[in-house]
Amino acid sequence: ASYVCFSGVCGDEFSILRSPQSVVFRDGSWPIPGERIPDVAALTMGFSVEEDLPWPGLAVGDLFHRPRATVLVTVKGVDKLALPVKGFSYPIENAVPFSLDSVANAIHSLFSEETPVVLQLAPSEERVYMVGKANSVFEDLSVTLRQLRNRLFQDNSILSSLPLNSLSRNNEVDLLFLSELQVLHDIASLLSRHKHLAKDHSPDLYSLELSGLEEVGKRYGEDSQQFKDASQILVDSLQKFADEMFNLYGGNAVVEVVAVKEFNSPLIRKTRSILQSSQSEKENPYNLAYPYNYNYSVIFNIILWMMIGLALAVIVISYNLWNMDPGYDSIIYRMTNQKIRMD
């Protein structure tokens, strides 16, 4: 099975375009911390998170029917997208860069023997990460800038059907923006040829990062007609992409969009440092205990009852050995006695 989640942030805003009935979002203006967006994706897929998420925008939903795919699209360089009002939108608090690596790792660990589709792609930066069946499904997907440009000028590209308006097919910035839209089209098109992967029992994950609109804004200005046309074309393409992915997964997918004007800080991977102990002392000058972890009670009970069971086993075995009748209970002594009588 696959699970599709399409996330959008519009002007520091997190928007849900499509979602199944098993995933319940509440209508309200509750702010979502930017660093917790991956946790929202994990919870909608039915995975646990290390730290509780006290955000009222996501309800419990149906625990026995989880979405089969998650699609998260991040749009950079715009503070507001005119997305359809039929979905849900929430303001983002502290828009920091995030990654769905934790969600991808959960899929790997829980469905290692199956064939989940995991695709993480940033076309303009030529970053691509494909795992499982994604390697065969999307082997023809354009991932380098040269491939993207060549793909646009093929006969079946979006240039033949997309109204460019003020955008030009002779400008490199415009072509970069259009090539990202071509990637959206090709992902849905390639997946439609492998529909059986959208019906298996392993959840799928799609994480896409689009920065073409940001480059259009830098090149022409955010008040230009080119930027306005590009924004409208992007909204239409995102909605079409969301509908296609939602339908490919039989309506059992969550589609979200994240549009961020500018991230507050660069994305830094968490690593261990030799200065970790000294840093923690500065952050915790009063030597307070660590925050309570929800796994604590589980681990405590496992260790407690295992130790009690082992202790009882040792007592019972020791008691029986101590009170054993060598001549009656032990086969060693019985056989020895018989051999003595025969001699």
Foldseek 3Di string as FASTA:
>chain_A
DAAAAAWAAALQKTWWQAAFQQWDFDADAWADEQQCPLVVVQQLQLHDDFDDDPTRRTDNGHNVAGFQYYAYEEEEAHRGFPADPPIHMYGYDQNADYDNVVVVVVLCVVVVVHFAWEWAAEQVVLDIDTDGCVCVLCVVQDRHPVSLLVQCPDPPFCVVPDDQVPADNVDSLSSLLRSLLRNLVVVLVSCLVVLVNLVDDGYYYHHYYYHSLNSVCVVQNCVDPNSVSSSVSVSVSLSVSVVSVCVSNVNRYIRHHYYYNDHPDHDDDDDDDPCVVVVVCVVPVPPDDDDDTPCVVVVVVVVVVVVVVVVVVVVVVVVCVVPDDCCPRPPVNVVVVVVVVVD
